[in-house]
Structure formats: C-alpha cells, structure tokens
C-alpha cells in the first residue's frame, strides 16, 4: 500500500506544472524534505553597504564613507596582522576606507568642536575619535549615527562566516565604544 502511494506521488509530480518548471526529481526531494541546504554567503563590504543604506535610510556614498570612517578607526587600533585578517574575512574593507572623506585639514574654530580639535592635538585616541565625528559630519550625517553604523555592521557580521570579522571589529572599536 505504501509503495502504491509513493508510485502515485511520483507519477503525479511528473505531470504537475511545478514539476515541469523544477524537474520532477527536485519536486520529490523538496516534498520529502531533502532539498538543498541554504548556504550562507561570505560577508563582503558591498552587501554590508547595501543593507546599512537600506536600514538607516542613507545613500550609498554616506554608507560607504561612514563605514570607511569606522574601519579606518579600527585599522588604527589593531595590529597590521589583525587588520589583514579582517580584510581577508570581509573583502572590500580597503575600498570602504578609501571612501571616507579626508578631514585632516578641517579645523573647527569655536565651541565644543573647537575644544575637541585642541584636545585632539595632545591625544591620539581623541584625535581618532574626533576624525570619525568630522567624517560623519562631512558626509552630512549626525555624529550620533556612528553607533547606529557600528550596530548595523555588527548585525551584518553576526553569522557563522562573519564571526572573525565581527570579533576584530569589536577589538578595534575599543575607545569608540567606551
């Protein structure tokens, strides 16, 4: 009786519209729960930019530049070997860094921003944080969005394939998060 049911199912699938599109064997495999496993995609900077832009409502240039600012900060806070590991596990990081605006000549004259510029002259950590802030502003983004970018990057890398990149990102963010 069981054999007749299987034979009937195979015959029915071979004549169905779905089986014509997929192939009857694929239909039978999916019906029996033997379909292909979905492979997770290796993280890459292009996908990260697209997802961040969509989730935060920014354009691609702002997404690239903001992520570039963050990864440039990370690059300055981890060893060259670790940064190479990060680049290997997240292709395109160097392109992101190149997309960050150059704010090295930009000086603020007054208020809190001027005070930050003055303090940054004496402390490399403050200088790096101040540069990220200025880069976000140069992109037309509010400095408050820095943490949103970090959270989006962490969420994107929260996959089995992205764990190494996420761990290195978090190591390099040290003072920015503290």
Protein backbone atom coordinates (compact mmCIF):
# COMPACT_ATOMS: atom_id res chain seq x y z
CA UNK A 1 0.00 0.00 0.00
CA UNK A 2 2.83 2.38 0.92
CA UNK A 3 4.59 1.57 -2.35
CA UNK A 4 1.49 2.42 -4.36
CA UNK A 5 1.30 5.80 -2.61
CA UNK A 6 4.93 6.58 -3.49
CA UNK A 7 4.43 5.48 -7.10
CA UNK A 8 1.25 7.59 -7.35
CA UNK A 9 3.12 10.61 -5.91
CA UNK A 10 5.98 10.24 -8.41
CA UNK A 11 3.54 9.95 -11.32
CA UNK A 12 1.52 12.95 -10.10
CA UNK A 13 4.65 15.05 -9.73
CA UNK A 14 5.92 14.17 -13.16
CA UNK A 15 2.77 15.61 -14.73
CA UNK A 16 2.27 18.65 -12.48
CA UNK A 17 3.04 22.21 -13.64
CA UNK A 18 5.55 22.66 -10.83
CA UNK A 19 7.44 19.54 -11.82
CA UNK A 20 7.76 20.83 -15.36
CA UNK A 21 9.37 24.02 -14.04
CA UNK A 22 11.63 22.48 -11.40
CA UNK A 23 12.05 18.94 -12.58
CA UNK A 24 10.17 16.08 -11.02
CA UNK A 25 13.11 14.78 -9.03
CA UNK A 26 13.68 18.18 -7.39
CA UNK A 27 9.97 18.35 -6.56
CA UNK A 28 10.08 14.91 -5.00
CA UNK A 29 13.18 15.81 -2.95
CA UNK A 30 11.64 19.03 -1.64
CA UNK A 31 8.37 17.25 -0.86
CA UNK A 32 10.28 14.66 1.16
CA UNK A 33 12.29 17.37 2.95
CA UNK A 34 15.52 16.53 1.19
CA UNK A 35 16.04 19.89 -0.54
CA UNK A 36 19.40 21.57 -0.70
CA UNK A 37 20.58 23.35 2.39
CA UNK A 38 20.83 27.10 2.02
CA UNK A 39 24.49 28.09 2.07
CA UNK A 40 25.35 31.25 3.93
CA UNK A 41 27.10 33.81 1.84
CA UNK A 42 30.56 35.04 2.80
CA UNK A 43 30.30 38.58 4.20
CA UNK A 44 31.51 41.36 1.94
CA UNK A 45 31.57 45.13 2.10
CA UNK A 46 29.22 45.67 -0.86
CA UNK A 47 26.39 43.74 0.79
CA UNK A 48 27.12 45.46 4.12
CA UNK A 49 26.84 48.88 2.45
CA UNK A 50 23.57 47.99 0.73
CA UNK A 51 21.97 46.66 3.91
CA UNK A 52 23.17 49.59 6.02
CA UNK A 53 21.95 52.14 3.46
CA UNK A 54 18.53 50.49 3.36
CA UNK A 55 18.20 50.07 7.14
CA UNK A 56 19.39 53.57 8.06
CA UNK A 57 17.89 55.47 5.12
CA UNK A 58 21.19 56.88 3.87
CA UNK A 59 22.62 56.89 0.36
CA UNK A 60 25.42 54.56 -0.79
CA UNK A 61 28.07 57.30 -0.56
CA UNK A 62 27.10 58.00 3.06
CA UNK A 63 27.02 54.29 3.87
CA UNK A 64 30.43 53.67 2.29
CA UNK A 65 32.05 56.75 3.80
CA UNK A 66 30.62 56.15 7.27
CA UNK A 67 31.68 52.52 7.31
CA UNK A 68 35.05 53.57 5.90
CA UNK A 69 35.48 56.01 8.79
CA UNK A 70 34.72 53.28 11.30
CA UNK A 71 37.00 50.71 9.67
CA UNK A 72 39.77 53.30 9.39
CA UNK A 73 39.41 53.87 13.14
CA UNK A 74 39.60 50.10 13.68
CA UNK A 75 42.70 49.90 11.47
CA UNK A 76 44.45 52.37 13.77
CA UNK A 77 43.57 50.36 16.87
CA UNK A 78 44.58 46.81 15.94
CA UNK A 79 47.82 45.33 14.67
CA UNK A 80 48.58 45.16 10.95
CA UNK A 81 48.25 41.35 11.11
CA UNK A 82 44.80 41.58 12.67
CA UNK A 83 43.72 44.19 10.15
CA UNK A 84 44.89 41.90 7.33
CA UNK A 85 42.77 39.11 8.87
CA UNK A 86 39.82 41.49 8.97
CA UNK A 87 40.37 42.45 5.33
CA UNK A 88 40.58 38.79 4.35
CA UNK A 89 37.38 37.90 6.19
CA UNK A 90 35.48 40.97 4.89
CA UNK A 91 36.52 41.69 1.29
CA UNK A 92 36.36 45.35 0.28
CA UNK A 93 37.30 46.94 3.62
CA UNK A 94 40.15 48.89 1.98
CA UNK A 95 37.70 50.29 -0.59
CA UNK A 96 35.47 51.46 2.26
CA UNK A 97 38.38 53.20 3.95
CA UNK A 98 39.19 54.97 0.69
CA UNK A 99 35.56 56.19 0.56
CA UNK A 100 35.89 58.01 3.90
CA UNK A 101 36.25 61.78 3.45
CA UNK A 102 39.62 63.40 4.14
CA UNK A 103 39.14 65.76 7.07
CA UNK A 104 42.79 66.13 8.03
CA UNK A 105 42.83 69.84 7.17
CA UNK A 106 39.41 70.61 8.60
CA UNK A 107 39.63 72.63 11.83
CA UNK A 108 36.77 73.84 13.96
CA UNK A 109 37.09 77.34 15.34
CA UNK A 110 34.81 77.58 18.32
CA UNK A 111 32.52 75.86 20.75
CA UNK A 112 32.80 72.23 21.73
CA UNK A 113 34.09 71.25 18.28
CA UNK A 114 36.99 73.71 18.61
CA UNK A 115 37.73 72.38 22.06
CA UNK A 116 37.78 68.81 20.72
CA UNK A 117 40.21 69.87 17.98
CA UNK A 118 42.51 71.43 20.57
CA UNK A 119 42.36 68.36 22.84
CA UNK A 120 42.94 66.06 19.86
CA UNK A 121 46.30 67.75 19.26
CA UNK A 122 47.55 66.18 22.50
CA UNK A 123 45.88 62.78 22.48
CA UNK A 124 45.95 60.29 19.59
CA UNK A 125 42.85 58.48 20.81
CA UNK A 126 40.83 61.72 20.95
CA UNK A 127 42.21 62.68 17.54
CA UNK A 128 40.99 59.40 16.01
CA UNK A 129 37.54 59.72 17.59
CA UNK A 130 37.32 63.37 16.53
CA UNK A 131 38.22 62.37 12.94
CA UNK A 132 35.37 59.84 12.83
CA UNK A 133 32.98 62.53 14.08
CA UNK A 134 34.21 65.02 11.46
CA UNK A 135 34.00 62.43 8.68
CA UNK A 136 30.38 61.70 9.55
CA UNK A 137 29.61 65.43 9.52
CA UNK A 138 31.40 65.83 6.16
CA UNK A 139 29.10 63.12 4.79
CA UNK A 140 26.04 65.02 6.01
CA UNK A 141 25.49 62.58 8.87
CA UNK A 142 24.99 63.35 12.53
CA UNK A 143 27.73 62.06 14.86
CA UNK A 144 25.00 60.29 16.83
CA UNK A 145 24.70 57.90 13.88
CA UNK A 146 28.17 56.46 14.50
CA UNK A 147 26.74 53.93 16.96
CA UNK A 148 23.94 53.03 14.54
CA UNK A 149 26.58 52.25 11.91
CA UNK A 150 28.50 50.12 14.40
CA UNK A 151 25.34 48.23 15.37
CA UNK A 152 24.45 47.62 11.71
CA UNK A 153 27.97 46.34 10.98
CA UNK A 154 27.84 44.03 14.00
CA UNK A 155 24.40 42.72 12.98
CA UNK A 156 25.57 42.11 9.40
CA UNK A 157 28.60 40.16 10.65
CA UNK A 158 26.55 38.12 13.11
CA UNK A 159 26.77 34.95 11.02
CA UNK A 160 28.97 31.91 11.23
CA UNK A 161 31.15 33.25 8.40
CA UNK A 162 31.27 36.76 9.86
CA UNK A 163 32.38 35.91 13.40
CA UNK A 164 36.09 36.55 12.83
CA UNK A 165 35.44 39.92 11.21
CA UNK A 166 32.98 40.85 13.96
CA UNK A 167 35.47 39.94 16.68
CA UNK A 168 38.24 42.01 15.05
CA UNK A 169 35.85 44.91 14.51
CA UNK A 170 34.93 44.90 18.19
CA UNK A 171 38.59 44.73 19.26
CA UNK A 172 39.41 47.75 17.14
CA UNK A 173 36.45 49.80 18.31
CA UNK A 174 37.62 49.81 21.94
CA UNK A 175 37.69 53.56 22.82
CA UNK A 176 34.93 54.50 20.39
CA UNK A 177 32.50 52.27 22.27
CA UNK A 178 33.82 53.06 25.76
